[in-house]
């Protein structure tokens, strides 16, 4: 199976959104609407990636950093392309891009009941943290912000 990894463009938005919404365990929120994604990609140029097979986007990964730590979001591979190295190639591209920006530690969030994702990250050598608790504050009336 031939595929390539390239930086994500805002023009990829519709195809990426279709991919993300078609995968169980990934939640799309208001922060994933076009204006927010345009800001995210502009703020983190060259850090988010898509995997492409022919004309089809088969995988995606959003990546950014705050100057100290990297963060991965919405790492998704279409079901029929899993276990072929696509996810690992996306992660490697993002980690290489982060390292080029001087970022050596990266975090990501996985829903606690997403066993498939947890197994994937462990298989790549990522460590599940037991020493921290994530807190969120929503400054909106929309709990899905």
C-alpha atoms as a PDB file:
ATOM      1  CA  UNK A   1       0.000   0.000   0.000  1.00  0.00           C
ATOM      2  CA  UNK A   2       1.472   3.314  -1.100  1.00  0.00           C
ATOM      3  CA  UNK A   3       0.973   6.412   1.007  1.00  0.00           C
ATOM      4  CA  UNK A   4       2.831   9.586   1.769  1.00  0.00           C
ATOM      5  CA  UNK A   5       3.003  11.911   4.752  1.00  0.00           C
ATOM      6  CA  UNK A   6       2.811  15.650   4.207  1.00  0.00           C
ATOM      7  CA  UNK A   7       2.057  18.741   6.277  1.00  0.00           C
ATOM      8  CA  UNK A   8      -1.639  19.386   6.792  1.00  0.00           C
ATOM      9  CA  UNK A   9      -3.136  22.347   4.960  1.00  0.00           C
ATOM     10  CA  UNK A  10      -6.306  24.179   5.877  1.00  0.00           C
ATOM     11  CA  UNK A  11      -7.609  23.041   2.482  1.00  0.00           C
ATOM     12  CA  UNK A  12      -7.582  19.501   3.954  1.00  0.00           C
ATOM     13  CA  UNK A  13     -10.153  20.504   6.591  1.00  0.00           C
ATOM     14  CA  UNK A  14     -13.253  18.811   5.112  1.00  0.00           C
ATOM     15  CA  UNK A  15     -11.462  15.519   4.401  1.00  0.00           C
ATOM     16  CA  UNK A  16      -9.804  15.509   7.833  1.00  0.00           C
ATOM     17  CA  UNK A  17     -13.099  16.258   9.576  1.00  0.00           C
ATOM     18  CA  UNK A  18     -14.802  13.437   7.658  1.00  0.00           C
ATOM     19  CA  UNK A  19     -12.029  11.064   8.696  1.00  0.00           C
ATOM     20  CA  UNK A  20     -12.157  12.107  12.354  1.00  0.00           C
ATOM     21  CA  UNK A  21     -15.939  11.900  12.647  1.00  0.00           C
ATOM     22  CA  UNK A  22     -15.887   8.405  11.169  1.00  0.00           C
ATOM     23  CA  UNK A  23     -13.640   6.937  13.850  1.00  0.00           C
ATOM     24  CA  UNK A  24     -14.999   5.763  17.223  1.00  0.00           C
ATOM     25  CA  UNK A  25     -13.196   7.132  20.271  1.00  0.00           C
ATOM     26  CA  UNK A  26     -12.503  10.575  18.805  1.00  0.00           C
ATOM     27  CA  UNK A  27     -14.754  13.471  19.746  1.00  0.00           C
ATOM     28  CA  UNK A  28     -15.226  16.522  17.552  1.00  0.00           C
ATOM     29  CA  UNK A  29     -15.956  19.699  19.479  1.00  0.00           C
ATOM     30  CA  UNK A  30     -16.550  23.369  18.759  1.00  0.00           C
ATOM     31  CA  UNK A  31     -12.767  23.810  18.924  1.00  0.00           C
ATOM     32  CA  UNK A  32     -12.607  21.722  15.755  1.00  0.00           C
ATOM     33  CA  UNK A  33     -14.669  24.147  13.661  1.00  0.00           C
ATOM     34  CA  UNK A  34     -12.956  25.843  10.678  1.00  0.00           C
ATOM     35  CA  UNK A  35     -11.962  29.145  12.356  1.00  0.00           C
ATOM     36  CA  UNK A  36     -10.309  27.332  15.274  1.00  0.00           C
ATOM     37  CA  UNK A  37      -8.469  24.885  13.024  1.00  0.00           C
ATOM     38  CA  UNK A  38      -7.268  27.722  10.784  1.00  0.00           C
ATOM     39  CA  UNK A  39      -5.853  29.477  13.883  1.00  0.00           C
ATOM     40  CA  UNK A  40      -4.272  26.255  15.135  1.00  0.00           C
ATOM     41  CA  UNK A  41      -2.528  25.500  11.847  1.00  0.00           C
ATOM     42  CA  UNK A  42      -1.334  29.109  11.498  1.00  0.00           C
ATOM     43  CA  UNK A  43       0.006  29.104  15.064  1.00  0.00           C
ATOM     44  CA  UNK A  44       1.784  25.767  14.580  1.00  0.00           C
ATOM     45  CA  UNK A  45       3.014  25.840  10.966  1.00  0.00           C
ATOM     46  CA  UNK A  46       4.385  22.594   9.571  1.00  0.00           C
ATOM     47  CA  UNK A  47       3.625  20.554  12.687  1.00  0.00           C
ATOM     48  CA  UNK A  48       0.323  18.857  11.778  1.00  0.00           C
ATOM     49  CA  UNK A  49       0.341  16.104   9.165  1.00  0.00           C
ATOM     50  CA  UNK A  50      -1.871  14.001   6.931  1.00  0.00           C
ATOM     51  CA  UNK A  51      -1.252  10.594   5.387  1.00  0.00           C
ATOM     52  CA  UNK A  52      -2.421  10.400   1.778  1.00  0.00           C
ATOM     53  CA  UNK A  53      -3.045   7.360  -0.417  1.00  0.00           C
ATOM     54  CA  UNK A  54      -3.896   8.423  -3.937  1.00  0.00           C
ATOM     55  CA  UNK A  55      -6.353  11.311  -3.610  1.00  0.00           C
ATOM     56  CA  UNK A  56      -7.618  10.130  -0.198  1.00  0.00           C
ATOM     57  CA  UNK A  57      -6.543  11.356   3.227  1.00  0.00           C
ATOM     58  CA  UNK A  58      -6.208   8.143   5.245  1.00  0.00           C
ATOM     59  CA  UNK A  59      -4.701   9.562   8.429  1.00  0.00           C
ATOM     60  CA  UNK A  60      -4.186  12.791  10.296  1.00  0.00           C
ATOM     61  CA  UNK A  61      -2.436  14.199  13.305  1.00  0.00           C
ATOM     62  CA  UNK A  62      -2.691  17.661  14.841  1.00  0.00           C
ATOM     63  CA  UNK A  63       0.470  18.827  16.570  1.00  0.00           C
ATOM     64  CA  UNK A  64       1.520  21.983  18.341  1.00  0.00           C
ATOM     65  CA  UNK A  65       3.688  23.236  21.153  1.00  0.00           C
ATOM     66  CA  UNK A  66       3.772  25.960  23.754  1.00  0.00           C
ATOM     67  CA  UNK A  67       7.520  26.591  23.508  1.00  0.00           C
ATOM     68  CA  UNK A  68       8.307  23.923  26.115  1.00  0.00           C
ATOM     69  CA  UNK A  69       6.167  20.852  25.465  1.00  0.00           C
ATOM     70  CA  UNK A  70       4.587  19.330  22.389  1.00  0.00           C
ATOM     71  CA  UNK A  71       0.978  18.180  22.192  1.00  0.00           C
ATOM     72  CA  UNK A  72      -0.657  15.724  19.821  1.00  0.00           C
ATOM     73  CA  UNK A  73      -4.385  15.729  19.090  1.00  0.00           C
ATOM     74  CA  UNK A  74      -6.750  13.793  16.838  1.00  0.00           C
ATOM     75  CA  UNK A  75      -4.274  11.146  15.759  1.00  0.00           C
ATOM     76  CA  UNK A  76      -6.503   9.105  13.454  1.00  0.00           C
ATOM     77  CA  UNK A  77      -5.981   6.458  10.785  1.00  0.00           C
ATOM     78  CA  UNK A  78      -8.852   5.084   8.698  1.00  0.00           C
ATOM     79  CA  UNK A  79      -9.777   1.609   9.912  1.00  0.00           C
ATOM     80  CA  UNK A  80      -8.737  -0.213   6.736  1.00  0.00           C
ATOM     81  CA  UNK A  81      -5.263   1.363   6.833  1.00  0.00           C
ATOM     82  CA  UNK A  82      -4.412   0.491  10.432  1.00  0.00           C
ATOM     83  CA  UNK A  83      -1.552  -1.816  11.351  1.00  0.00           C
ATOM     84  CA  UNK A  84       0.379  -0.757   8.246  1.00  0.00           C
ATOM     85  CA  UNK A  85       2.666   1.803   9.906  1.00  0.00           C
ATOM     86  CA  UNK A  86       0.618   4.870   8.941  1.00  0.00           C
ATOM     87  CA  UNK A  87       0.013   6.001  12.516  1.00  0.00           C
ATOM     88  CA  UNK A  88       3.618   5.488  13.470  1.00  0.00           C
ATOM     89  CA  UNK A  89       4.761   7.443  10.390  1.00  0.00           C
ATOM     90  CA  UNK A  90       2.476  10.353  11.319  1.00  0.00           C
ATOM     91  CA  UNK A  91       3.790  10.359  14.900  1.00  0.00           C
ATOM     92  CA  UNK A  92       7.402  10.204  13.728  1.00  0.00           C
ATOM     93  CA  UNK A  93       6.845  13.155  11.379  1.00  0.00           C
ATOM     94  CA  UNK A  94       5.350  15.212  14.214  1.00  0.00           C
ATOM     95  CA  UNK A  95       8.050  14.309  16.736  1.00  0.00           C
ATOM     96  CA  UNK A  96      10.765  15.115  14.189  1.00  0.00           C
ATOM     97  CA  UNK A  97       9.142  18.497  13.489  1.00  0.00           C
ATOM     98  CA  UNK A  98       8.861  19.214  17.208  1.00  0.00           C
ATOM     99  CA  UNK A  99      12.496  18.255  17.759  1.00  0.00           C
ATOM    100  CA  UNK A 100      13.501  20.671  14.986  1.00  0.00           C
ATOM    101  CA  UNK A 101      11.741  23.358  17.067  1.00  0.00           C
ATOM    102  CA  UNK A 102      13.679  22.288  20.194  1.00  0.00           C
ATOM    103  CA  UNK A 103      10.784  20.368  21.785  1.00  0.00           C
ATOM    104  CA  UNK A 104      11.831  17.049  23.307  1.00  0.00           C
ATOM    105  CA  UNK A 105       8.821  16.087  25.460  1.00  0.00           C
ATOM    106  CA  UNK A 106       5.348  15.584  24.056  1.00  0.00           C
ATOM    107  CA  UNK A 107       1.967  14.861  25.640  1.00  0.00           C
ATOM    108  CA  UNK A 108      -1.368  13.616  24.385  1.00  0.00           C
ATOM    109  CA  UNK A 109      -4.757  12.776  25.848  1.00  0.00           C
ATOM    110  CA  UNK A 110      -6.658   9.551  25.274  1.00  0.00           C
ATOM    111  CA  UNK A 111     -10.155   8.830  26.564  1.00  0.00           C
ATOM    112  CA  UNK A 112      -9.799   6.332  29.412  1.00  0.00           C
ATOM    113  CA  UNK A 113     -12.127   3.829  27.707  1.00  0.00           C
ATOM    114  CA  UNK A 114     -10.323   3.927  24.327  1.00  0.00           C
ATOM    115  CA  UNK A 115      -8.430   0.672  24.784  1.00  0.00           C
ATOM    116  CA  UNK A 116      -7.324   0.482  21.144  1.00  0.00           C
ATOM    117  CA  UNK A 117      -5.666   3.906  21.319  1.00  0.00           C
ATOM    118  CA  UNK A 118      -4.055   3.133  24.680  1.00  0.00           C
ATOM    119  CA  UNK A 119      -2.582  -0.075  23.235  1.00  0.00           C
ATOM    120  CA  UNK A 120      -1.295   1.838  20.174  1.00  0.00           C
ATOM    121  CA  UNK A 121       0.513   4.454  22.247  1.00  0.00           C
ATOM    122  CA  UNK A 122       2.016   1.852  24.551  1.00  0.00           C
ATOM    123  CA  UNK A 123       3.236  -0.106  21.516  1.00  0.00           C
ATOM    124  CA  UNK A 124       5.152   2.988  20.391  1.00  0.00           C
ATOM    125  CA  UNK A 125       6.823   3.312  23.800  1.00  0.00           C
ATOM    126  CA  UNK A 126       4.701   6.138  25.191  1.00  0.00           C
ATOM    127  CA  UNK A 127       4.252   6.064  28.962  1.00  0.00           C
ATOM    128  CA  UNK A 128       0.828   6.261  30.563  1.00  0.00           C
ATOM    129  CA  UNK A 129       1.020   8.801  33.372  1.00  0.00           C
ATOM    130  CA  UNK A 130      -0.461   7.932  36.740  1.00  0.00           C
ATOM    131  CA  UNK A 131       1.008  10.923  38.581  1.00  0.00           C
ATOM    132  CA  UNK A 132      -1.123  13.706  37.097  1.00  0.00           C
ATOM    133  CA  UNK A 133      -4.789  14.563  36.853  1.00  0.00           C
ATOM    134  CA  UNK A 134      -6.107  16.663  33.971  1.00  0.00           C
ATOM    135  CA  UNK A 135      -8.303  19.640  34.882  1.00  0.00           C
ATOM    136  CA  UNK A 136     -10.249  21.723  32.374  1.00  0.00           C
ATOM    137  CA  UNK A 137     -12.010  25.065  32.686  1.00  0.00           C
ATOM    138  CA  UNK A 138     -14.575  26.037  30.092  1.00  0.00           C
ATOM    139  CA  UNK A 139     -15.213  29.731  29.702  1.00  0.00           C
ATOM    140  CA  UNK A 140     -18.276  29.173  27.593  1.00  0.00           C
ATOM    141  CA  UNK A 141     -21.868  28.147  28.103  1.00  0.00           C
ATOM    142  CA  UNK A 142     -21.187  25.344  25.612  1.00  0.00           C
ATOM    143  CA  UNK A 143     -19.859  22.297  27.500  1.00  0.00           C
ATOM    144  CA  UNK A 144     -18.642  20.953  24.164  1.00  0.00           C
ATOM    145  CA  UNK A 145     -16.355  23.950  23.525  1.00  0.00           C
END
